[in-house]
Amino acid sequence: MLTPTPEHAGQLADDVGALAGRFGSTATKGIAEGDHLPVMVEIAGERAADFRSALANVPGIKTIDAAAFPTQGKLTLLVQITGAK
């Protein structure tokens, strides 16, 4: 889960998509529901930890929930942006 400053939620979703592209992945921005804006990222397992580390450097991110990722196969990650009102 990513928690941006409220005024940056839409731009943050775009930034997550651009970052996914730099890791050879794809991202799809969902429809905001309440204060949540989902972004689905499909990424190779061996790149997931690096992707998560890179997310920490995106301006506007307050928190990133830690999770262990498998290192094999393709993963679909749900990046949940909160505060997207």
C-alpha atoms as a PDB file:
ATOM      1  CA  MET A   1       0.000   0.000   0.000  1.00  0.00           C
ATOM      2  CA  LEU A   2       1.310   3.435  -0.914  1.00  0.00           C
ATOM      3  CA  THR A   3       0.189   6.521   0.955  1.00  0.00           C
ATOM      4  CA  PRO A   4       0.857   9.711  -1.012  1.00  0.00           C
ATOM      5  CA  THR A   5      -0.048  13.201  -0.147  1.00  0.00           C
ATOM      6  CA  PRO A   6      -3.740  13.480  -1.237  1.00  0.00           C
ATOM      7  CA  GLU A   7      -3.084  15.931  -4.068  1.00  0.00           C
ATOM      8  CA  HIS A   8      -0.566  13.577  -5.696  1.00  0.00           C
ATOM      9  CA  ALA A   9      -2.523  10.299  -5.893  1.00  0.00           C
ATOM     10  CA  GLY A  10      -3.276  10.363  -9.655  1.00  0.00           C
ATOM     11  CA  GLN A  11       0.252  11.399 -10.570  1.00  0.00           C
ATOM     12  CA  LEU A  12       1.630   8.748  -8.232  1.00  0.00           C
ATOM     13  CA  ALA A  13      -0.369   6.070 -10.071  1.00  0.00           C
ATOM     14  CA  ASP A  14       1.148   7.286 -13.350  1.00  0.00           C
ATOM     15  CA  ASP A  15       4.624   7.221 -11.770  1.00  0.00           C
ATOM     16  CA  VAL A  16       4.089   3.616 -10.594  1.00  0.00           C
ATOM     17  CA  GLY A  17       3.193   2.689 -14.185  1.00  0.00           C
ATOM     18  CA  ALA A  18       6.280   4.408 -15.587  1.00  0.00           C
ATOM     19  CA  LEU A  19       8.466   2.710 -12.998  1.00  0.00           C
ATOM     20  CA  ALA A  20       6.987  -0.680 -13.886  1.00  0.00           C
ATOM     21  CA  GLY A  21       7.895  -0.009 -17.514  1.00  0.00           C
ATOM     22  CA  ARG A  22      11.532   0.583 -16.538  1.00  0.00           C
ATOM     23  CA  PHE A  23      11.540  -2.929 -15.055  1.00  0.00           C
ATOM     24  CA  GLY A  24      10.156  -4.444 -18.271  1.00  0.00           C
ATOM     25  CA  SER A  25       6.715  -4.767 -16.706  1.00  0.00           C
ATOM     26  CA  THR A  26       3.223  -3.515 -17.352  1.00  0.00           C
ATOM     27  CA  ALA A  27       0.869  -1.600 -15.087  1.00  0.00           C
ATOM     28  CA  THR A  28      -2.835  -0.887 -15.277  1.00  0.00           C
ATOM     29  CA  LYS A  29      -4.434   1.896 -13.278  1.00  0.00           C
ATOM     30  CA  GLY A  30      -7.819   0.960 -11.868  1.00  0.00           C
ATOM     31  CA  ILE A  31     -10.842   3.034 -10.963  1.00  0.00           C
ATOM     32  CA  ALA A  32     -10.692   4.913  -7.684  1.00  0.00           C
ATOM     33  CA  GLU A  33     -13.103   3.696  -5.019  1.00  0.00           C
ATOM     34  CA  GLY A  34     -13.423   6.042  -2.081  1.00  0.00           C
ATOM     35  CA  ASP A  35      -9.894   7.009  -1.165  1.00  0.00           C
ATOM     36  CA  HIS A  36      -8.223   3.975  -2.835  1.00  0.00           C
ATOM     37  CA  LEU A  37      -6.715   3.929  -6.317  1.00  0.00           C
ATOM     38  CA  PRO A  38      -5.448   0.480  -7.389  1.00  0.00           C
ATOM     39  CA  VAL A  39      -2.615  -0.133  -9.835  1.00  0.00           C
ATOM     40  CA  MET A  40      -2.016  -3.711 -11.028  1.00  0.00           C
ATOM     41  CA  VAL A  41       1.617  -4.421 -11.916  1.00  0.00           C
ATOM     42  CA  GLU A  42       2.720  -7.582 -13.741  1.00  0.00           C
ATOM     43  CA  ILE A  43       6.402  -8.177 -13.081  1.00  0.00           C
ATOM     44  CA  ALA A  44       8.934 -10.983 -13.211  1.00  0.00           C
ATOM     45  CA  GLY A  45       9.505 -12.418  -9.737  1.00  0.00           C
ATOM     46  CA  GLU A  46      13.229 -11.807  -9.872  1.00  0.00           C
ATOM     47  CA  ARG A  47      12.609  -8.073 -10.428  1.00  0.00           C
ATOM     48  CA  ALA A  48       9.909  -7.593  -7.748  1.00  0.00           C
ATOM     49  CA  ALA A  49      12.225  -6.768  -4.834  1.00  0.00           C
ATOM     50  CA  ASP A  50      14.090  -4.199  -6.938  1.00  0.00           C
ATOM     51  CA  PHE A  51      10.776  -2.705  -8.066  1.00  0.00           C
ATOM     52  CA  ARG A  52       9.626  -2.351  -4.459  1.00  0.00           C
ATOM     53  CA  SER A  53      12.931  -0.714  -3.517  1.00  0.00           C
ATOM     54  CA  ALA A  54      12.593   1.708  -6.419  1.00  0.00           C
ATOM     55  CA  LEU A  55       9.063   2.631  -5.280  1.00  0.00           C
ATOM     56  CA  ALA A  56      10.567   3.987  -2.072  1.00  0.00           C
ATOM     57  CA  ASN A  57      12.361   6.651  -4.138  1.00  0.00           C
ATOM     58  CA  VAL A  58       9.225   7.963  -5.876  1.00  0.00           C
ATOM     59  CA  PRO A  59       8.378  11.455  -4.568  1.00  0.00           C
ATOM     60  CA  GLY A  60       5.068  11.612  -2.708  1.00  0.00           C
ATOM     61  CA  ILE A  61       5.200   8.153  -1.161  1.00  0.00           C
ATOM     62  CA  LYS A  62       4.807   8.116   2.603  1.00  0.00           C
ATOM     63  CA  THR A  63       4.719   4.358   3.334  1.00  0.00           C
ATOM     64  CA  ILE A  64       5.268   1.031   1.624  1.00  0.00           C
ATOM     65  CA  ASP A  65       3.986  -2.166   3.232  1.00  0.00           C
ATOM     66  CA  ALA A  66       6.683  -4.812   3.175  1.00  0.00           C
ATOM     67  CA  ALA A  67       5.945  -8.243   1.763  1.00  0.00           C
ATOM     68  CA  ALA A  68       8.078 -11.172   0.682  1.00  0.00           C
ATOM     69  CA  PHE A  69       7.926 -11.974  -3.029  1.00  0.00           C
ATOM     70  CA  PRO A  70       8.573 -15.252  -4.806  1.00  0.00           C
ATOM     71  CA  THR A  71      11.614 -14.900  -7.029  1.00  0.00           C
ATOM     72  CA  GLN A  72      10.420 -17.162  -9.846  1.00  0.00           C
ATOM     73  CA  GLY A  73       7.718 -16.752 -12.450  1.00  0.00           C
ATOM     74  CA  LYS A  74       5.528 -13.770 -13.194  1.00  0.00           C
ATOM     75  CA  LEU A  75       3.818 -11.903 -10.367  1.00  0.00           C
ATOM     76  CA  THR A  76       0.802  -9.669 -10.348  1.00  0.00           C
ATOM     77  CA  LEU A  77       1.163  -7.043  -7.647  1.00  0.00           C
ATOM     78  CA  LEU A  78      -1.627  -4.832  -6.434  1.00  0.00           C
ATOM     79  CA  VAL A  79      -0.225  -1.419  -5.618  1.00  0.00           C
ATOM     80  CA  GLN A  80      -2.935   0.249  -3.554  1.00  0.00           C
ATOM     81  CA  ILE A  81      -2.713   4.027  -3.405  1.00  0.00           C
ATOM     82  CA  THR A  82      -4.625   5.412  -0.463  1.00  0.00           C
ATOM     83  CA  GLY A  83      -5.669   8.988   0.120  1.00  0.00           C
ATOM     84  CA  ALA A  84      -6.816   9.286  -3.508  1.00  0.00           C
ATOM     85  CA  LYS A  85      -9.838  11.493  -2.807  1.00  0.00           C
END
